[in-house]
Amino acid sequence: MSRKRLLVWSLVIAVLAASTRWSVPLVAGPGFTFVFVSAALAVPWYALLIVSMRRYGKGGLWVLLGAPLVFFWPTLFILLWYACEHGADCM
């Protein structure tokens, strides 16, 4: 795969992961299902990161542009869970 193709695929996966909050509830109904779908999309994104790093070395770090989009919802969910577990006023 070329660098351009890897970048495009990583950004497509990142945008899909970031948009799960609005797209998954239409199919799966209300709840936290979108967090698990977003976390599942992090797996192929991480695989693209590994491939780009192995193939291009430091030149593959541009794939990290999608990291904030990929990890936003899972990180937010973990922080919410942590706050609820340790005595913060939840929901």
C-alpha atoms as a PDB file:
ATOM      1  CA  MET A   1       0.000   0.000   0.000  1.00  0.00           C
ATOM      2  CA  SER A   2       1.227   3.471  -0.745  1.00  0.00           C
ATOM      3  CA  ARG A   3       1.547   6.178   1.884  1.00  0.00           C
ATOM      4  CA  LYS A   4      -1.356   8.089   0.405  1.00  0.00           C
ATOM      5  CA  ARG A   5      -3.646   5.064   0.501  1.00  0.00           C
ATOM      6  CA  LEU A   6      -2.667   4.249   4.096  1.00  0.00           C
ATOM      7  CA  LEU A   7      -3.351   7.845   5.117  1.00  0.00           C
ATOM      8  CA  VAL A   8      -6.754   7.875   3.418  1.00  0.00           C
ATOM      9  CA  TRP A   9      -7.799   4.563   4.980  1.00  0.00           C
ATOM     10  CA  SER A  10      -6.621   5.621   8.427  1.00  0.00           C
ATOM     11  CA  LEU A  11      -8.566   8.880   8.185  1.00  0.00           C
ATOM     12  CA  VAL A  12     -11.676   7.083   6.914  1.00  0.00           C
ATOM     13  CA  ILE A  13     -11.559   4.698   9.877  1.00  0.00           C
ATOM     14  CA  ALA A  14     -10.926   7.628  12.232  1.00  0.00           C
ATOM     15  CA  VAL A  15     -13.921   9.571  10.924  1.00  0.00           C
ATOM     16  CA  LEU A  16     -16.117   6.474  11.178  1.00  0.00           C
ATOM     17  CA  ALA A  17     -14.982   5.933  14.766  1.00  0.00           C
ATOM     18  CA  ALA A  18     -15.682   9.559  15.668  1.00  0.00           C
ATOM     19  CA  SER A  19     -19.126   9.526  14.054  1.00  0.00           C
ATOM     20  CA  THR A  20     -20.377   6.364  15.775  1.00  0.00           C
ATOM     21  CA  ARG A  21     -22.186   8.486  18.362  1.00  0.00           C
ATOM     22  CA  TRP A  22     -24.612   9.637  15.684  1.00  0.00           C
ATOM     23  CA  SER A  23     -24.657   6.694  13.279  1.00  0.00           C
ATOM     24  CA  VAL A  24     -24.796   3.579  15.501  1.00  0.00           C
ATOM     25  CA  PRO A  25     -27.867   4.547  17.621  1.00  0.00           C
ATOM     26  CA  LEU A  26     -29.886   4.707  14.414  1.00  0.00           C
ATOM     27  CA  VAL A  27     -29.229   0.985  13.923  1.00  0.00           C
ATOM     28  CA  ALA A  28     -28.653  -0.412  17.426  1.00  0.00           C
ATOM     29  CA  GLY A  29     -30.877   1.842  19.478  1.00  0.00           C
ATOM     30  CA  PRO A  30     -29.994   4.029  22.443  1.00  0.00           C
ATOM     31  CA  GLY A  31     -27.252   3.101  24.863  1.00  0.00           C
ATOM     32  CA  PHE A  32     -23.511   2.823  24.928  1.00  0.00           C
ATOM     33  CA  THR A  33     -23.213   0.480  21.942  1.00  0.00           C
ATOM     34  CA  PHE A  34     -21.497   3.223  19.978  1.00  0.00           C
ATOM     35  CA  VAL A  35     -18.551   3.164  22.417  1.00  0.00           C
ATOM     36  CA  PHE A  36     -17.913  -0.500  21.724  1.00  0.00           C
ATOM     37  CA  VAL A  37     -18.217   0.023  17.967  1.00  0.00           C
ATOM     38  CA  SER A  38     -15.785   2.926  18.203  1.00  0.00           C
ATOM     39  CA  ALA A  39     -13.367   0.786  20.209  1.00  0.00           C
ATOM     40  CA  ALA A  40     -13.706  -2.008  17.645  1.00  0.00           C
ATOM     41  CA  LEU A  41     -12.803   0.451  14.883  1.00  0.00           C
ATOM     42  CA  ALA A  42      -9.629   1.274  16.799  1.00  0.00           C
ATOM     43  CA  VAL A  43      -8.312  -2.228  16.056  1.00  0.00           C
ATOM     44  CA  PRO A  44      -7.994  -1.861  12.256  1.00  0.00           C
ATOM     45  CA  TRP A  45      -6.750   1.706  12.721  1.00  0.00           C
ATOM     46  CA  TYR A  46      -4.035   0.433  15.055  1.00  0.00           C
ATOM     47  CA  ALA A  47      -3.146  -2.261  12.501  1.00  0.00           C
ATOM     48  CA  LEU A  48      -2.732   0.467   9.856  1.00  0.00           C
ATOM     49  CA  LEU A  49      -0.488   2.354  12.260  1.00  0.00           C
ATOM     50  CA  ILE A  50       1.707  -0.715  12.746  1.00  0.00           C
ATOM     51  CA  VAL A  51       1.890  -1.371   8.997  1.00  0.00           C
ATOM     52  CA  SER A  52       2.794   2.229   8.231  1.00  0.00           C
ATOM     53  CA  MET A  53       5.448   2.311  10.970  1.00  0.00           C
ATOM     54  CA  ARG A  54       7.042  -0.924   9.791  1.00  0.00           C
ATOM     55  CA  ARG A  55       7.002   0.026   6.146  1.00  0.00           C
ATOM     56  CA  TYR A  56       7.924   3.723   6.371  1.00  0.00           C
ATOM     57  CA  GLY A  57       9.549   4.109   9.812  1.00  0.00           C
ATOM     58  CA  LYS A  58       9.247   7.641  11.155  1.00  0.00           C
ATOM     59  CA  GLY A  59       7.578   8.607   7.884  1.00  0.00           C
ATOM     60  CA  GLY A  60       4.562   6.563   8.990  1.00  0.00           C
ATOM     61  CA  LEU A  61       3.840   8.747  12.000  1.00  0.00           C
ATOM     62  CA  TRP A  62       1.372  10.824   9.931  1.00  0.00           C
ATOM     63  CA  VAL A  63      -1.175   8.067  10.581  1.00  0.00           C
ATOM     64  CA  LEU A  64      -1.340   9.409  14.144  1.00  0.00           C
ATOM     65  CA  LEU A  65      -3.392  12.311  12.787  1.00  0.00           C
ATOM     66  CA  GLY A  66      -6.456  10.125  13.243  1.00  0.00           C
ATOM     67  CA  ALA A  67      -5.682   9.183  16.871  1.00  0.00           C
ATOM     68  CA  PRO A  68      -7.837  11.876  18.520  1.00  0.00           C
ATOM     69  CA  LEU A  69     -10.821  10.847  16.418  1.00  0.00           C
ATOM     70  CA  VAL A  70     -10.341   7.124  17.008  1.00  0.00           C
ATOM     71  CA  PHE A  71      -9.844   7.308  20.761  1.00  0.00           C
ATOM     72  CA  PHE A  72     -12.283  10.103  21.667  1.00  0.00           C
ATOM     73  CA  TRP A  73     -15.385   8.071  22.603  1.00  0.00           C
ATOM     74  CA  PRO A  74     -13.593   5.143  24.309  1.00  0.00           C
ATOM     75  CA  THR A  75     -11.513   7.598  26.369  1.00  0.00           C
ATOM     76  CA  LEU A  76     -14.566   9.621  27.310  1.00  0.00           C
ATOM     77  CA  PHE A  77     -16.392   6.464  28.377  1.00  0.00           C
ATOM     78  CA  ILE A  78     -13.433   5.314  30.507  1.00  0.00           C
ATOM     79  CA  LEU A  79     -13.241   8.723  32.193  1.00  0.00           C
ATOM     80  CA  LEU A  80     -16.983   8.629  32.896  1.00  0.00           C
ATOM     81  CA  TRP A  81     -16.714   5.134  34.328  1.00  0.00           C
ATOM     82  CA  TYR A  82     -13.753   6.182  36.499  1.00  0.00           C
ATOM     83  CA  ALA A  83     -15.635   9.210  37.834  1.00  0.00           C
ATOM     84  CA  CYS A  84     -18.680   7.088  38.668  1.00  0.00           C
ATOM     85  CA  GLU A  85     -16.585   4.421  40.401  1.00  0.00           C
ATOM     86  CA  HIS A  86     -14.772   6.896  42.611  1.00  0.00           C
ATOM     87  CA  GLY A  87     -17.665   8.814  44.079  1.00  0.00           C
ATOM     88  CA  ALA A  88     -18.464  11.527  41.586  1.00  0.00           C
ATOM     89  CA  ASP A  89     -22.120  12.346  41.092  1.00  0.00           C
ATOM     90  CA  CYS A  90     -23.115  10.234  38.106  1.00  0.00           C
ATOM     91  CA  MET A  91     -26.070  10.638  35.781  1.00  0.00           C
END
